[in-house]
């Protein structure tokens, strides 16, 4: 398990906190969004079983980004606070070997977030 990443903790893969994050103003982000905490915890359990992030998003996410959870390029200042803080604290990773957050609570529900690229 990774070290604390702001308010969240990175899961899976290498300990991403050992690598310095380059400053970024934008991230290419995927997420899984669920209204109920119980459902997001089910999604997290699937990720822990090494199911690809995009496959879990297609099955569990309850928003318009159901197509693999892809939100595309998100610029700093356009996301809700807890989501933005978590997204910019993550190292980039891939859907097959994701580094992702523990569930993040926002006004929209519970999110599990991963970042594919930083700019």
Protein backbone atom coordinates (compact mmCIF):
# COMPACT_ATOMS: atom_id res chain seq x y z
CA UNK A 1 0.00 0.00 0.00
CA UNK A 2 1.19 3.49 -0.78
CA UNK A 3 1.83 6.29 1.65
CA UNK A 4 -0.78 9.00 2.27
CA UNK A 5 -1.50 11.10 -0.80
CA UNK A 6 -3.08 14.24 0.59
CA UNK A 7 -6.43 13.17 1.97
CA UNK A 8 -6.37 9.88 0.06
CA UNK A 9 -4.13 6.87 -0.33
CA UNK A 10 -2.88 5.30 -3.56
CA UNK A 11 -3.69 1.63 -4.04
CA UNK A 12 -2.08 -1.14 -6.08
CA UNK A 13 1.13 -1.20 -8.11
CA UNK A 14 4.34 0.46 -6.97
CA UNK A 15 4.51 2.84 -4.04
CA UNK A 16 3.84 5.93 -6.12
CA UNK A 17 4.69 8.27 -3.29
CA UNK A 18 8.40 7.42 -3.69
CA UNK A 19 8.43 9.25 -7.04
CA UNK A 20 8.26 13.03 -7.18
CA UNK A 21 5.22 14.35 -9.00
CA UNK A 22 5.90 16.90 -11.68
CA UNK A 23 3.82 20.06 -11.31
CA UNK A 24 0.73 19.85 -13.50
CA UNK A 25 -2.16 22.09 -14.45
CA UNK A 26 -4.21 19.31 -16.02
CA UNK A 27 -4.75 15.57 -15.65
CA UNK A 28 -6.31 12.96 -17.89
CA UNK A 29 -8.53 11.22 -15.38
CA UNK A 30 -10.81 8.21 -15.07
CA UNK A 31 -13.18 7.58 -12.21
CA UNK A 32 -15.85 5.29 -10.87
CA UNK A 33 -18.78 7.19 -9.39
CA UNK A 34 -21.40 5.60 -7.15
CA UNK A 35 -24.13 7.24 -5.11
CA UNK A 36 -23.95 4.62 -2.35
CA UNK A 37 -20.85 3.82 -0.34
CA UNK A 38 -21.65 0.09 -0.40
CA UNK A 39 -21.51 0.04 -4.21
CA UNK A 40 -18.21 1.95 -4.40
CA UNK A 41 -16.74 -0.52 -1.91
CA UNK A 42 -17.83 -3.37 -4.21
CA UNK A 43 -16.05 -1.63 -7.08
CA UNK A 44 -12.93 -1.19 -4.94
CA UNK A 45 -13.00 -4.92 -4.12
CA UNK A 46 -13.01 -5.71 -7.85
CA UNK A 47 -9.98 -3.45 -8.38
CA UNK A 48 -8.19 -5.25 -5.55
CA UNK A 49 -8.78 -8.48 -7.50
CA UNK A 50 -6.80 -6.90 -10.37
CA UNK A 51 -9.80 -6.33 -12.64
CA UNK A 52 -8.97 -3.56 -15.12
CA UNK A 53 -10.08 -0.08 -14.02
CA UNK A 54 -12.07 0.61 -17.20
CA UNK A 55 -13.95 -2.71 -16.89
CA UNK A 56 -14.89 -1.95 -13.27
CA UNK A 57 -16.01 1.56 -14.29
CA UNK A 58 -18.24 0.17 -17.04
CA UNK A 59 -19.90 -2.19 -14.56
CA UNK A 60 -20.22 0.03 -11.48
CA UNK A 61 -20.06 3.72 -12.43
CA UNK A 62 -23.39 5.58 -12.32
CA UNK A 63 -22.53 8.61 -14.44
CA UNK A 64 -22.00 9.68 -18.04
CA UNK A 65 -18.42 8.40 -17.91
CA UNK A 66 -19.61 4.78 -17.82
CA UNK A 67 -17.55 4.16 -20.95
CA UNK A 68 -14.50 3.08 -18.96
CA UNK A 69 -14.80 5.99 -16.54
CA UNK A 70 -12.93 8.31 -18.90
CA UNK A 71 -13.47 11.97 -18.03
CA UNK A 72 -10.71 13.13 -20.38
CA UNK A 73 -8.55 16.16 -19.70
CA UNK A 74 -9.49 18.03 -16.53
CA UNK A 75 -7.87 21.38 -15.76
CA UNK A 76 -7.02 22.48 -12.23
CA UNK A 77 -9.87 24.59 -10.86
CA UNK A 78 -12.64 22.82 -12.79
CA UNK A 79 -13.16 19.93 -10.35
CA UNK A 80 -14.76 19.82 -6.90
CA UNK A 81 -12.20 20.21 -4.08
CA UNK A 82 -11.77 16.65 -2.75
CA UNK A 83 -11.79 15.18 -6.28
CA UNK A 84 -9.19 17.67 -7.52
CA UNK A 85 -6.95 17.18 -4.48
CA UNK A 86 -6.99 13.42 -4.94
CA UNK A 87 -6.50 13.53 -8.73
CA UNK A 88 -3.48 15.84 -8.61
CA UNK A 89 -1.88 13.70 -5.88
CA UNK A 90 -1.79 10.58 -8.08
CA UNK A 91 0.99 9.28 -10.29
CA UNK A 92 -0.13 8.40 -13.82
CA UNK A 93 -0.94 4.74 -14.40
CA UNK A 94 -2.78 2.43 -16.79
CA UNK A 95 -6.16 0.73 -16.61
CA UNK A 96 -4.51 -2.68 -16.36
CA UNK A 97 -2.15 -1.62 -13.55
CA UNK A 98 -3.95 1.32 -11.96
CA UNK A 99 -2.84 3.49 -9.08
CA UNK A 100 -6.12 4.67 -7.63
CA UNK A 101 -7.56 6.45 -4.62
CA UNK A 102 -9.58 5.05 -1.80
CA UNK A 103 -13.20 6.23 -2.18
CA UNK A 104 -13.43 10.04 -2.24
CA UNK A 105 -16.70 11.62 -1.06
CA UNK A 106 -17.96 14.67 -2.95
CA UNK A 107 -21.35 16.31 -3.51
CA UNK A 108 -21.77 13.96 -6.50
CA UNK A 109 -21.24 10.73 -4.52
CA UNK A 110 -18.27 8.43 -3.96
CA UNK A 111 -15.43 8.31 -6.49
CA UNK A 112 -12.45 6.05 -7.07
CA UNK A 113 -10.01 8.04 -9.20
CA UNK A 114 -7.04 7.17 -11.39
CA UNK A 115 -4.89 9.43 -13.59
CA UNK A 116 -3.53 8.37 -16.96
CA UNK A 117 -1.46 11.46 -17.79
CA UNK A 118 -0.38 14.77 -16.25
CA UNK A 119 0.29 18.02 -18.13
